[in-house]
Amino acid sequence: MLTTEVVVIGIVNLKTTNMKHNLKTIEDILNVVNAENIDNFLIDFRGFLSVNMLVQTTQELVGKENVEITREEREVMHWIDDGKTEAHITIKVNE
């Protein structure tokens, strides 16, 4: 069961969930990030960017055709608003 707590302060809607979000656009981010989860989101977002920079660097070193990562892993941030800061990604470098 999904539980959602909503607190309304003026025109700000603070919402916490334990949901998985597929973030593709800035609007997607704005729809799920709030004052209560922004710090956790920023930690995870930095990790997402770091992993993608690592993939890009690896592709430059060994050739793009030798590094396998799905297009979705590069274009969509799968973020679970659970307060944890962990990520799982599979990158395969062909020999």
N, C-alpha and C. Protein backbone atom coordinates (compact mmCIF):
# COMPACT_ATOMS: atom_id res chain seq x y z
N MET A 1 0.84 -1.17 0.00
CA MET A 1 0.00 0.00 0.00
C MET A 1 0.89 1.23 0.00
N LEU A 2 0.55 2.20 -0.81
CA LEU A 2 1.29 3.45 -0.90
C LEU A 2 0.64 4.46 0.02
N THR A 3 1.44 5.03 0.90
CA THR A 3 0.91 6.09 1.75
C THR A 3 1.58 7.40 1.39
N THR A 4 0.80 8.43 1.35
CA THR A 4 1.29 9.74 1.00
C THR A 4 0.85 10.72 2.06
N GLU A 5 1.77 11.53 2.54
CA GLU A 5 1.46 12.57 3.52
C GLU A 5 1.57 13.90 2.79
N VAL A 6 0.54 14.70 2.89
CA VAL A 6 0.54 16.00 2.25
C VAL A 6 0.36 17.07 3.31
N VAL A 7 1.25 18.05 3.30
CA VAL A 7 1.17 19.18 4.21
C VAL A 7 1.09 20.43 3.36
N VAL A 8 0.09 21.24 3.55
CA VAL A 8 -0.06 22.45 2.76
C VAL A 8 0.27 23.65 3.63
N ILE A 9 1.26 24.42 3.18
CA ILE A 9 1.67 25.64 3.87
C ILE A 9 1.56 26.76 2.85
N GLY A 10 0.58 27.61 2.99
CA GLY A 10 0.37 28.64 1.98
C GLY A 10 0.07 27.99 0.65
N ILE A 11 0.87 28.29 -0.36
CA ILE A 11 0.66 27.69 -1.68
C ILE A 11 1.64 26.55 -1.95
N VAL A 12 2.44 26.20 -0.94
CA VAL A 12 3.43 25.14 -1.13
C VAL A 12 2.83 23.82 -0.70
N ASN A 13 2.98 22.81 -1.54
CA ASN A 13 2.48 21.47 -1.24
C ASN A 13 3.67 20.57 -0.95
N LEU A 14 3.89 20.22 0.31
CA LEU A 14 5.00 19.35 0.70
C LEU A 14 4.47 17.92 0.74
N LYS A 15 5.09 17.06 -0.02
CA LYS A 15 4.57 15.71 -0.21
C LYS A 15 5.71 14.71 -0.09
N THR A 16 5.56 13.69 0.73
CA THR A 16 6.56 12.64 0.81
C THR A 16 5.92 11.33 0.39
N THR A 17 6.68 10.54 -0.35
CA THR A 17 6.18 9.24 -0.80
C THR A 17 7.31 8.24 -0.72
N ASN A 18 7.00 7.02 -1.02
CA ASN A 18 8.01 5.98 -1.14
C ASN A 18 7.88 5.38 -2.54
N MET A 19 7.77 6.27 -3.53
CA MET A 19 7.50 5.85 -4.90
C MET A 19 8.74 5.90 -5.77
N LYS A 20 8.69 5.13 -6.84
CA LYS A 20 9.73 5.18 -7.86
C LYS A 20 9.29 6.18 -8.93
N HIS A 21 10.21 7.06 -9.29
CA HIS A 21 9.93 8.08 -10.29
C HIS A 21 10.89 7.90 -11.46
N ASN A 22 10.38 8.04 -12.66
CA ASN A 22 11.19 8.01 -13.88
C ASN A 22 11.30 9.45 -14.35
N LEU A 23 12.45 10.07 -14.09
CA LEU A 23 12.62 11.50 -14.34
C LEU A 23 13.33 11.71 -15.68
N LYS A 24 12.62 12.34 -16.62
CA LYS A 24 13.17 12.60 -17.95
C LYS A 24 13.34 14.10 -18.19
N THR A 25 12.54 14.91 -17.54
CA THR A 25 12.54 16.35 -17.81
C THR A 25 12.66 17.13 -16.52
N ILE A 26 12.94 18.42 -16.66
CA ILE A 26 12.96 19.31 -15.49
C ILE A 26 11.57 19.33 -14.85
N GLU A 27 10.54 19.32 -15.66
CA GLU A 27 9.18 19.30 -15.12
C GLU A 27 8.94 18.06 -14.27
N ASP A 28 9.45 16.90 -14.71
CA ASP A 28 9.33 15.68 -13.90
C ASP A 28 9.97 15.87 -12.53
N ILE A 29 11.14 16.49 -12.51
CA ILE A 29 11.84 16.74 -11.25
C ILE A 29 11.02 17.68 -10.37
N LEU A 30 10.52 18.76 -10.95
CA LEU A 30 9.74 19.73 -10.19
C LEU A 30 8.46 19.12 -9.62
N ASN A 31 7.93 18.12 -10.29
CA ASN A 31 6.70 17.47 -9.82
C ASN A 31 6.92 16.54 -8.64
N VAL A 32 8.16 16.10 -8.39
CA VAL A 32 8.38 15.13 -7.30
C VAL A 32 9.29 15.65 -6.19
N VAL A 33 10.12 16.64 -6.48
CA VAL A 33 11.04 17.14 -5.45
C VAL A 33 10.35 18.24 -4.66
N ASN A 34 10.54 18.18 -3.34
CA ASN A 34 9.95 19.17 -2.46
C ASN A 34 10.93 19.50 -1.33
N ALA A 35 10.53 20.34 -0.41
CA ALA A 35 11.42 20.78 0.66
C ALA A 35 11.89 19.62 1.54
N GLU A 36 11.09 18.58 1.65
CA GLU A 36 11.45 17.45 2.52
C GLU A 36 12.41 16.47 1.86
N ASN A 37 12.42 16.37 0.53
CA ASN A 37 13.25 15.35 -0.11
C ASN A 37 14.35 15.91 -1.01
N ILE A 38 14.48 17.23 -1.06
CA ILE A 38 15.43 17.82 -1.99
C ILE A 38 16.88 17.41 -1.71
N ASP A 39 17.26 17.34 -0.44
CA ASP A 39 18.65 16.96 -0.13
C ASP A 39 18.96 15.55 -0.60
N ASN A 40 18.04 14.61 -0.36
CA ASN A 40 18.24 13.23 -0.82
C ASN A 40 18.26 13.17 -2.34
N PHE A 41 17.36 13.94 -2.98
CA PHE A 41 17.34 13.95 -4.44
C PHE A 41 18.67 14.47 -4.99
N LEU A 42 19.18 15.55 -4.43
CA LEU A 42 20.42 16.14 -4.96
C LEU A 42 21.60 15.19 -4.82
N ILE A 43 21.66 14.44 -3.73
CA ILE A 43 22.72 13.44 -3.57
C ILE A 43 22.61 12.38 -4.67
N ASP A 44 21.40 11.88 -4.89
CA ASP A 44 21.19 10.86 -5.92
C ASP A 44 21.41 11.42 -7.32
N PHE A 45 21.01 12.67 -7.56
CA PHE A 45 21.18 13.28 -8.86
C PHE A 45 22.67 13.46 -9.18
N ARG A 46 23.43 13.86 -8.16
CA ARG A 46 24.88 13.98 -8.36
C ARG A 46 25.48 12.63 -8.72
N GLY A 47 25.03 11.57 -8.06
CA GLY A 47 25.50 10.22 -8.38
C GLY A 47 25.13 9.82 -9.79
N PHE A 48 23.92 10.13 -10.22
CA PHE A 48 23.46 9.84 -11.58
C PHE A 48 24.35 10.54 -12.60
N LEU A 49 24.64 11.82 -12.36
CA LEU A 49 25.51 12.57 -13.27
C LEU A 49 26.93 12.00 -13.28
N SER A 50 27.44 11.65 -12.10
CA SER A 50 28.80 11.10 -12.01
C SER A 50 28.93 9.79 -12.77
N VAL A 51 27.94 8.91 -12.63
CA VAL A 51 27.97 7.64 -13.34
C VAL A 51 27.94 7.87 -14.84
N ASN A 52 27.10 8.78 -15.30
CA ASN A 52 27.02 9.05 -16.73
C ASN A 52 28.28 9.71 -17.26
N MET A 53 28.95 10.52 -16.46
CA MET A 53 30.24 11.09 -16.86
C MET A 53 31.29 10.00 -16.93
N LEU A 54 31.24 9.04 -16.01
CA LEU A 54 32.17 7.91 -16.03
C LEU A 54 31.96 7.08 -17.29
N VAL A 55 30.72 6.84 -17.65
CA VAL A 55 30.42 6.10 -18.88
C VAL A 55 30.98 6.84 -20.08
N GLN A 56 30.76 8.13 -20.15
CA GLN A 56 31.26 8.92 -21.28
C GLN A 56 32.78 8.86 -21.36
N THR A 57 33.46 9.00 -20.23
CA THR A 57 34.91 8.93 -20.21
C THR A 57 35.40 7.54 -20.64
N THR A 58 34.73 6.50 -20.15
CA THR A 58 35.10 5.13 -20.52
C THR A 58 34.90 4.92 -22.02
N GLN A 59 33.82 5.45 -22.56
CA GLN A 59 33.57 5.33 -24.00
C GLN A 59 34.67 6.03 -24.80
N GLU A 60 35.13 7.17 -24.32
CA GLU A 60 36.20 7.89 -25.00
C GLU A 60 37.51 7.11 -24.96
N LEU A 61 37.76 6.40 -23.86
CA LEU A 61 39.01 5.66 -23.70
C LEU A 61 39.04 4.36 -24.50
N VAL A 62 37.94 3.61 -24.47
CA VAL A 62 37.96 2.28 -25.08
C VAL A 62 37.09 2.19 -26.33
N GLY A 63 36.43 3.26 -26.68
CA GLY A 63 35.57 3.26 -27.86
C GLY A 63 34.12 3.06 -27.47
N LYS A 64 33.27 3.88 -28.02
CA LYS A 64 31.84 3.85 -27.70
C LYS A 64 31.23 2.47 -27.97
N GLU A 65 31.70 1.82 -29.04
CA GLU A 65 31.14 0.51 -29.40
C GLU A 65 31.50 -0.57 -28.39
N ASN A 66 32.47 -0.33 -27.52
CA ASN A 66 32.91 -1.32 -26.54
C ASN A 66 32.29 -1.15 -25.15
N VAL A 67 31.45 -0.14 -24.99
CA VAL A 67 30.82 0.11 -23.70
C VAL A 67 29.32 -0.02 -23.87
N GLU A 68 28.72 -0.94 -23.14
CA GLU A 68 27.28 -1.16 -23.24
C GLU A 68 26.56 -0.56 -22.05
N ILE A 69 25.63 0.31 -22.34
CA ILE A 69 24.73 0.86 -21.34
C ILE A 69 23.44 1.15 -22.09
N THR A 70 22.32 0.85 -21.49
CA THR A 70 21.07 1.08 -22.21
C THR A 70 20.81 2.57 -22.35
N ARG A 71 20.15 2.90 -23.43
CA ARG A 71 19.82 4.30 -23.69
C ARG A 71 19.00 4.87 -22.53
N GLU A 72 18.10 4.06 -21.98
CA GLU A 72 17.25 4.53 -20.89
C GLU A 72 18.08 4.89 -19.66
N GLU A 73 19.13 4.13 -19.37
CA GLU A 73 19.96 4.45 -18.21
C GLU A 73 20.67 5.79 -18.37
N ARG A 74 20.85 6.23 -19.61
CA ARG A 74 21.48 7.53 -19.86
C ARG A 74 20.45 8.66 -19.89
N GLU A 75 19.23 8.35 -20.28
CA GLU A 75 18.25 9.41 -20.51
C GLU A 75 17.19 9.54 -19.42
N VAL A 76 17.08 8.55 -18.57
CA VAL A 76 16.06 8.58 -17.53
C VAL A 76 16.71 8.30 -16.19
N MET A 77 16.41 9.14 -15.21
CA MET A 77 16.87 8.88 -13.85
C MET A 77 15.74 8.18 -13.11
N HIS A 78 15.98 6.94 -12.72
CA HIS A 78 15.00 6.20 -11.93
C HIS A 78 15.30 6.51 -10.47
N TRP A 79 14.42 7.28 -9.85
CA TRP A 79 14.67 7.73 -8.49
C TRP A 79 13.57 7.23 -7.57
N ILE A 80 13.98 6.60 -6.47
CA ILE A 80 13.03 6.14 -5.47
C ILE A 80 13.12 7.10 -4.29
N ASP A 81 12.02 7.74 -3.99
CA ASP A 81 11.94 8.72 -2.90
C ASP A 81 11.78 7.97 -1.59
N ASP A 82 12.89 7.36 -1.12
CA ASP A 82 12.84 6.54 0.08
C ASP A 82 13.83 6.98 1.16
N GLY A 83 14.54 8.07 0.91
CA GLY A 83 15.50 8.56 1.89
C GLY A 83 16.84 7.87 1.82
N LYS A 84 16.97 6.84 1.00
CA LYS A 84 18.24 6.14 0.85
C LYS A 84 19.01 6.80 -0.28
N THR A 85 20.31 6.69 -0.23
CA THR A 85 21.13 7.22 -1.32
C THR A 85 21.95 6.07 -1.89
N GLU A 86 21.30 5.30 -2.75
CA GLU A 86 21.96 4.18 -3.38
C GLU A 86 21.49 4.09 -4.82
N ALA A 87 22.32 3.51 -5.66
CA ALA A 87 21.99 3.37 -7.07
C ALA A 87 22.50 2.04 -7.58
N HIS A 88 21.85 1.54 -8.60
CA HIS A 88 22.25 0.30 -9.25
C HIS A 88 22.27 0.55 -10.76
N ILE A 89 23.40 0.30 -11.35
CA ILE A 89 23.52 0.49 -12.80
C ILE A 89 24.48 -0.58 -13.32
N THR A 90 24.22 -1.06 -14.52
CA THR A 90 25.10 -2.05 -15.13
C THR A 90 25.76 -1.45 -16.35
N ILE A 91 27.07 -1.47 -16.34
CA ILE A 91 27.86 -1.00 -17.47
C ILE A 91 28.76 -2.15 -17.87
N LYS A 92 28.74 -2.51 -19.14
CA LYS A 92 29.56 -3.61 -19.61
C LYS A 92 30.58 -3.08 -20.61
N VAL A 93 31.84 -3.38 -20.33
CA VAL A 93 32.92 -2.99 -21.25
C VAL A 93 33.38 -4.26 -21.96
N ASN A 94 33.23 -4.28 -23.28
CA ASN A 94 33.64 -5.44 -24.08
C ASN A 94 35.16 -5.43 -24.27
N GLU A 95 35.73 -6.60 -24.28
CA GLU A 95 37.18 -6.72 -24.46
C GLU A 95 37.54 -6.88 -25.91
